[in-house]
Amino acid sequence: MEGIDRIHLILGVTIFLVFPFTRLVHIWSAPVEYFTRRYQVMRARN
């Protein structure tokens, strides 16, 4: 069981260190109001 714990720790630290260099960092810039905002009104051109 000790080997699994060590692998888990190493993978966790690796993800933590690589995270700033991935596109996943954009998850922090997502607007909080996205799911509660009102619908955008679209009108026909004719």
C-alpha atoms as a PDB file:
ATOM      1  CA  MET A   1       0.000   0.000   0.000  1.00  0.00           C
ATOM      2  CA  GLU A   2       2.943   2.328   0.560  1.00  0.00           C
ATOM      3  CA  GLY A   3       3.767   2.351  -3.151  1.00  0.00           C
ATOM      4  CA  ILE A   4       0.272   3.519  -4.085  1.00  0.00           C
ATOM      5  CA  ASP A   5       0.486   6.378  -1.594  1.00  0.00           C
ATOM      6  CA  ARG A   6       3.835   7.447  -3.007  1.00  0.00           C
ATOM      7  CA  ILE A   7       2.525   7.347  -6.607  1.00  0.00           C
ATOM      8  CA  HIS A   8      -0.524   9.363  -5.545  1.00  0.00           C
ATOM      9  CA  LEU A   9       1.695  11.969  -3.896  1.00  0.00           C
ATOM     10  CA  ILE A  10       4.051  12.230  -6.872  1.00  0.00           C
ATOM     11  CA  LEU A  11       1.188  12.582  -9.370  1.00  0.00           C
ATOM     12  CA  GLY A  12      -0.501  15.214  -7.196  1.00  0.00           C
ATOM     13  CA  VAL A  13       2.651  17.303  -6.919  1.00  0.00           C
ATOM     14  CA  THR A  14       3.310  16.911 -10.652  1.00  0.00           C
ATOM     15  CA  ILE A  15      -0.167  18.182 -11.548  1.00  0.00           C
ATOM     16  CA  PHE A  16       0.273  21.072  -9.093  1.00  0.00           C
ATOM     17  CA  LEU A  17       3.591  22.074 -10.690  1.00  0.00           C
ATOM     18  CA  VAL A  18       2.470  21.671 -14.329  1.00  0.00           C
ATOM     19  CA  PHE A  19      -0.925  23.407 -13.869  1.00  0.00           C
ATOM     20  CA  PRO A  20       0.290  27.012 -14.476  1.00  0.00           C
ATOM     21  CA  PHE A  21       1.692  26.033 -17.882  1.00  0.00           C
ATOM     22  CA  THR A  22      -1.509  24.416 -19.200  1.00  0.00           C
ATOM     23  CA  ARG A  23      -4.720  25.846 -20.595  1.00  0.00           C
ATOM     24  CA  LEU A  24      -6.464  24.687 -17.417  1.00  0.00           C
ATOM     25  CA  VAL A  25      -5.247  27.878 -15.762  1.00  0.00           C
ATOM     26  CA  HIS A  26      -8.064  29.707 -17.594  1.00  0.00           C
ATOM     27  CA  ILE A  27     -10.584  28.019 -15.302  1.00  0.00           C
ATOM     28  CA  TRP A  28      -9.837  30.751 -12.731  1.00  0.00           C
ATOM     29  CA  SER A  29     -10.853  33.524 -15.141  1.00  0.00           C
ATOM     30  CA  ALA A  30     -14.333  32.130 -15.855  1.00  0.00           C
ATOM     31  CA  PRO A  31     -17.072  34.593 -14.885  1.00  0.00           C
ATOM     32  CA  VAL A  32     -19.045  33.560 -11.808  1.00  0.00           C
ATOM     33  CA  GLU A  33     -22.298  35.048 -13.148  1.00  0.00           C
ATOM     34  CA  TYR A  34     -22.215  32.911 -16.304  1.00  0.00           C
ATOM     35  CA  PHE A  35     -24.937  30.467 -15.207  1.00  0.00           C
ATOM     36  CA  THR A  36     -27.251  33.088 -13.691  1.00  0.00           C
ATOM     37  CA  ARG A  37     -27.125  35.801 -16.351  1.00  0.00           C
ATOM     38  CA  ARG A  38     -30.115  36.674 -18.511  1.00  0.00           C
ATOM     39  CA  TYR A  39     -30.520  35.425 -22.053  1.00  0.00           C
ATOM     40  CA  GLN A  40     -29.220  37.529 -24.928  1.00  0.00           C
ATOM     41  CA  VAL A  41     -32.021  38.830 -27.163  1.00  0.00           C
ATOM     42  CA  MET A  42     -31.546  37.904 -30.836  1.00  0.00           C
ATOM     43  CA  ARG A  43     -33.624  39.625 -33.517  1.00  0.00           C
ATOM     44  CA  ALA A  44     -34.165  38.659 -37.137  1.00  0.00           C
ATOM     45  CA  ARG A  45     -32.716  40.947 -39.838  1.00  0.00           C
ATOM     46  CA  ASN A  46     -35.825  41.046 -42.033  1.00  0.00           C
END
